């Protein structure tokens, strides 16, 4: 579980960089983020 959380965190960080650099839209960001949350079994995101 701990390894999954690390992998999830790394992918979310990379995804956030893409959004910050305007390489993806907010809609794309949330679509990918939601898919990653499902794949890694993340139930809630307190960072918003």
PDB file of N, CA and C in Angstrom:
ATOM      1  N   UNK A   1       0.822  -1.208   0.000  1.00  0.00           N
ATOM      2  CA  UNK A   1       0.000   0.000   0.000  1.00  0.00           C
ATOM      3  C   UNK A   1       0.859   1.262   0.000  1.00  0.00           C
ATOM      4  N   UNK A   2       1.927   1.239   0.828  1.00  0.00           N
ATOM      5  CA  UNK A   2       2.793   2.416   0.910  1.00  0.00           C
ATOM      6  C   UNK A   2       3.440   2.706  -0.446  1.00  0.00           C
ATOM      7  N   UNK A   3       3.864   1.642  -1.152  1.00  0.00           N
ATOM      8  CA  UNK A   3       4.487   1.811  -2.465  1.00  0.00           C
ATOM      9  C   UNK A   3       3.478   2.410  -3.452  1.00  0.00           C
ATOM     10  N   UNK A   4       2.223   1.945  -3.387  1.00  0.00           N
ATOM     11  CA  UNK A   4       1.183   2.491  -4.265  1.00  0.00           C
ATOM     12  C   UNK A   4       0.968   3.972  -4.006  1.00  0.00           C
ATOM     13  N   UNK A   5       0.994   4.365  -2.754  1.00  0.00           N
ATOM     14  CA  UNK A   5       0.796   5.771  -2.407  1.00  0.00           C
ATOM     15  C   UNK A   5       1.934   6.637  -2.953  1.00  0.00           C
ATOM     16  N   UNK A   6       3.151   6.116  -2.904  1.00  0.00           N
ATOM     17  CA  UNK A   6       4.300   6.844  -3.445  1.00  0.00           C
ATOM     18  C   UNK A   6       4.163   6.999  -4.953  1.00  0.00           C
ATOM     19  N   UNK A   7       3.803   5.915  -5.635  1.00  0.00           N
ATOM     20  CA  UNK A   7       3.629   5.975  -7.090  1.00  0.00           C
ATOM     21  C   UNK A   7       2.502   6.936  -7.473  1.00  0.00           C
ATOM     22  N   UNK A   8       1.405   6.882  -6.730  1.00  0.00           N
ATOM     23  CA  UNK A   8       0.279   7.789  -6.983  1.00  0.00           C
ATOM     24  C   UNK A   8       0.731   9.244  -6.799  1.00  0.00           C
ATOM     25  N   UNK A   9       1.440   9.508  -5.723  1.00  0.00           N
ATOM     26  CA  UNK A   9       1.894  10.878  -5.435  1.00  0.00           C
ATOM     27  C   UNK A   9       2.811  11.406  -6.530  1.00  0.00           C
ATOM     28  N   UNK A  10       3.685  10.548  -7.032  1.00  0.00           N
ATOM     29  CA  UNK A  10       4.590  10.962  -8.106  1.00  0.00           C
ATOM     30  C   UNK A  10       3.808  11.299  -9.373  1.00  0.00           C
ATOM     31  N   UNK A  11       2.815  10.484  -9.696  1.00  0.00           N
ATOM     32  CA  UNK A  11       2.042  10.735 -10.904  1.00  0.00           C
ATOM     33  C   UNK A  11       1.198  12.001 -10.779  1.00  0.00           C
ATOM     34  N   UNK A  12       0.643  12.233  -9.602  1.00  0.00           N
ATOM     35  CA  UNK A  12      -0.137  13.457  -9.379  1.00  0.00           C
ATOM     36  C   UNK A  12       0.765  14.689  -9.480  1.00  0.00           C
ATOM     37  N   UNK A  13       1.978  14.594  -8.961  1.00  0.00           N
ATOM     38  CA  UNK A  13       2.919  15.718  -9.039  1.00  0.00           C
ATOM     39  C   UNK A  13       3.255  16.041 -10.496  1.00  0.00           C
ATOM     40  N   UNK A  14       3.493  15.009 -11.297  1.00  0.00           N
ATOM     41  CA  UNK A  14       3.796  15.222 -12.712  1.00  0.00           C
ATOM     42  C   UNK A  14       2.583  15.819 -13.432  1.00  0.00           C
ATOM     43  N   UNK A  15       1.405  15.318 -13.089  1.00  0.00           N
ATOM     44  CA  UNK A  15       0.178  15.817 -13.694  1.00  0.00           C
ATOM     45  C   UNK A  15      -0.027  17.289 -13.356  1.00  0.00           C
ATOM     46  N   UNK A  16       0.250  17.657 -12.118  1.00  0.00           N
ATOM     47  CA  UNK A  16       0.108  19.056 -11.682  1.00  0.00           C
ATOM     48  C   UNK A  16       1.079  19.963 -12.446  1.00  0.00           C
ATOM     49  N   UNK A  17       2.281  19.463 -12.720  1.00  0.00           N
ATOM     50  CA  UNK A  17       3.240  20.249 -13.505  1.00  0.00           C
ATOM     51  C   UNK A  17       2.715  20.512 -14.909  1.00  0.00           C
ATOM     52  N   UNK A  18       2.103  19.493 -15.512  1.00  0.00           N
ATOM     53  CA  UNK A  18       1.526  19.684 -16.846  1.00  0.00           C
ATOM     54  C   UNK A  18       0.452  20.756 -16.822  1.00  0.00           C
ATOM     55  N   UNK A  19      -0.371  20.727 -15.789  1.00  0.00           N
ATOM     56  CA  UNK A  19      -1.433  21.738 -15.663  1.00  0.00           C
ATOM     57  C   UNK A  19      -0.839  23.125 -15.450  1.00  0.00           C
ATOM     58  N   UNK A  20       0.146  23.220 -14.574  1.00  0.00           N
ATOM     59  CA  UNK A  20       0.782  24.507 -14.273  1.00  0.00           C
ATOM     60  C   UNK A  20       1.425  25.115 -15.519  1.00  0.00           C
ATOM     61  N   UNK A  21       2.004  24.276 -16.332  1.00  0.00           N
ATOM     62  CA  UNK A  21       2.656  24.757 -17.564  1.00  0.00           C
ATOM     63  C   UNK A  21       1.684  24.904 -18.722  1.00  0.00           C
ATOM     64  N   UNK A  22       0.396  24.698 -18.426  1.00  0.00           N
ATOM     65  CA  UNK A  22      -0.678  24.849 -19.407  1.00  0.00           C
ATOM     66  C   UNK A  22      -0.515  23.915 -20.609  1.00  0.00           C
ATOM     67  N   UNK A  23       0.014  22.717 -20.337  1.00  0.00           N
ATOM     68  CA  UNK A  23       0.136  21.708 -21.387  1.00  0.00           C
ATOM     69  C   UNK A  23      -1.107  20.829 -21.450  1.00  0.00           C
ATOM     70  N   UNK A  24      -1.921  20.889 -20.384  1.00  0.00           N
ATOM     71  CA  UNK A  24      -3.218  20.229 -20.361  1.00  0.00           C
ATOM     72  C   UNK A  24      -4.237  21.193 -19.752  1.00  0.00           C
ATOM     73  N   UNK A  25      -5.512  20.950 -20.028  1.00  0.00           N
ATOM     74  CA  UNK A  25      -6.569  21.791 -19.471  1.00  0.00           C
ATOM     75  C   UNK A  25      -6.965  21.281 -18.082  1.00  0.00           C
ATOM     76  N   UNK A  26      -7.725  22.094 -17.360  1.00  0.00           N
ATOM     77  CA  UNK A  26      -8.215  21.666 -16.042  1.00  0.00           C
ATOM     78  C   UNK A  26      -9.107  20.444 -16.177  1.00  0.00           C
ATOM     79  N   UNK A  27      -9.898  20.419 -17.228  1.00  0.00           N
ATOM     80  CA  UNK A  27     -10.777  19.272 -17.457  1.00  0.00           C
ATOM     81  C   UNK A  27      -9.956  17.995 -17.637  1.00  0.00           C
ATOM     82  N   UNK A  28      -8.901  18.073 -18.428  1.00  0.00           N
ATOM     83  CA  UNK A  28      -8.030  16.912 -18.635  1.00  0.00           C
ATOM     84  C   UNK A  28      -7.358  16.510 -17.323  1.00  0.00           C
ATOM     85  N   UNK A  29      -6.932  17.501 -16.559  1.00  0.00           N
ATOM     86  CA  UNK A  29      -6.286  17.242 -15.272  1.00  0.00           C
ATOM     87  C   UNK A  29      -7.206  16.430 -14.364  1.00  0.00           C
ATOM     88  N   UNK A  30      -8.449  16.886 -14.214  1.00  0.00           N
ATOM     89  CA  UNK A  30      -9.375  16.199 -13.315  1.00  0.00           C
ATOM     90  C   UNK A  30      -9.782  14.828 -13.849  1.00  0.00           C
ATOM     91  N   UNK A  31      -9.865  14.677 -15.163  1.00  0.00           N
ATOM     92  CA  UNK A  31     -10.180  13.368 -15.736  1.00  0.00           C
ATOM     93  C   UNK A  31      -9.084  12.356 -15.403  1.00  0.00           C
ATOM     94  N   UNK A  32      -7.843  12.752 -15.621  1.00  0.00           N
ATOM     95  CA  UNK A  32      -6.714  11.850 -15.347  1.00  0.00           C
ATOM     96  C   UNK A  32      -6.575  11.615 -13.848  1.00  0.00           C
ATOM     97  N   UNK A  33      -6.737  12.672 -13.058  1.00  0.00           N
ATOM     98  CA  UNK A  33      -6.627  12.548 -11.606  1.00  0.00           C
ATOM     99  C   UNK A  33      -7.663  11.568 -11.058  1.00  0.00           C
ATOM    100  N   UNK A  34      -8.901  11.683 -11.527  1.00  0.00           N
ATOM    101  CA  UNK A  34      -9.950  10.766 -11.080  1.00  0.00           C
ATOM    102  C   UNK A  34      -9.646   9.327 -11.472  1.00  0.00           C
ATOM    103  N   UNK A  35      -9.115   9.136 -12.662  1.00  0.00           N
ATOM    104  CA  UNK A  35      -8.758   7.782 -13.098  1.00  0.00           C
ATOM    105  C   UNK A  35      -7.639   7.214 -12.236  1.00  0.00           C
ATOM    106  N   UNK A  36      -6.634   8.044 -11.936  1.00  0.00           N
ATOM    107  CA  UNK A  36      -5.536   7.599 -11.080  1.00  0.00           C
ATOM    108  C   UNK A  36      -6.037   7.249  -9.677  1.00  0.00           C
ATOM    109  N   UNK A  37      -6.961   8.049  -9.164  1.00  0.00           N
ATOM    110  CA  UNK A  37      -7.512   7.770  -7.837  1.00  0.00           C
ATOM    111  C   UNK A  37      -8.210   6.409  -7.826  1.00  0.00           C
ATOM    112  N   UNK A  38      -8.948   6.099  -8.876  1.00  0.00           N
ATOM    113  CA  UNK A  38      -9.613   4.797  -8.962  1.00  0.00           C
ATOM    114  C   UNK A  38      -8.591   3.670  -9.058  1.00  0.00           C
ATOM    115  N   UNK A  39      -7.587   3.850  -9.918  1.00  0.00           N
ATOM    116  CA  UNK A  39      -6.579   2.807 -10.130  1.00  0.00           C
ATOM    117  C   UNK A  39      -5.809   2.488  -8.846  1.00  0.00           C
ATOM    118  N   UNK A  40      -5.502   3.525  -8.072  1.00  0.00           N
ATOM    119  CA  UNK A  40      -4.700   3.330  -6.865  1.00  0.00           C
ATOM    120  C   UNK A  40      -5.542   3.175  -5.605  1.00  0.00           C
ATOM    121  N   UNK A  41      -6.862   3.192  -5.752  1.00  0.00           N
ATOM    122  CA  UNK A  41      -7.741   3.007  -4.598  1.00  0.00           C
ATOM    123  C   UNK A  41      -7.724   4.161  -3.616  1.00  0.00           C
ATOM    124  N   UNK A  42      -7.517   5.369  -4.132  1.00  0.00           N
ATOM    125  CA  UNK A  42      -7.525   6.575  -3.296  1.00  0.00           C
ATOM    126  C   UNK A  42      -8.975   7.043  -3.181  1.00  0.00           C
ATOM    127  N   UNK A  43      -9.474   7.136  -1.970  1.00  0.00           N
ATOM    128  CA  UNK A  43     -10.889   7.445  -1.762  1.00  0.00           C
ATOM    129  C   UNK A  43     -11.159   8.944  -1.760  1.00  0.00           C
ATOM    130  N   UNK A  44     -10.297   9.720  -1.092  1.00  0.00           N
ATOM    131  CA  UNK A  44     -10.522  11.167  -1.056  1.00  0.00           C
ATOM    132  C   UNK A  44      -9.207  11.895  -1.222  1.00  0.00           C
ATOM    133  N   UNK A  45      -9.323  13.149  -1.619  1.00  0.00           N
ATOM    134  CA  UNK A  45      -8.143  13.977  -1.830  1.00  0.00           C
ATOM    135  C   UNK A  45      -8.295  15.237  -1.003  1.00  0.00           C
ATOM    136  N   UNK A  46      -7.576  15.317   0.114  1.00  0.00           N
ATOM    137  CA  UNK A  46      -7.720  16.464   1.012  1.00  0.00           C
ATOM    138  C   UNK A  46      -7.019  17.701   0.491  1.00  0.00           C
ATOM    139  N   UNK A  47      -6.177  17.530  -0.562  1.00  0.00           N
ATOM    140  CA  UNK A  47      -5.472  18.702  -1.107  1.00  0.00           C
ATOM    141  C   UNK A  47      -6.358  19.474  -2.069  1.00  0.00           C
ATOM    142  N   UNK A  48      -7.472  18.892  -2.456  1.00  0.00           N
ATOM    143  CA  UNK A  48      -8.441  19.597  -3.306  1.00  0.00           C
ATOM    144  C   UNK A  48      -8.036  19.612  -4.703  1.00  0.00           C
TER     145      UNK A  48
END
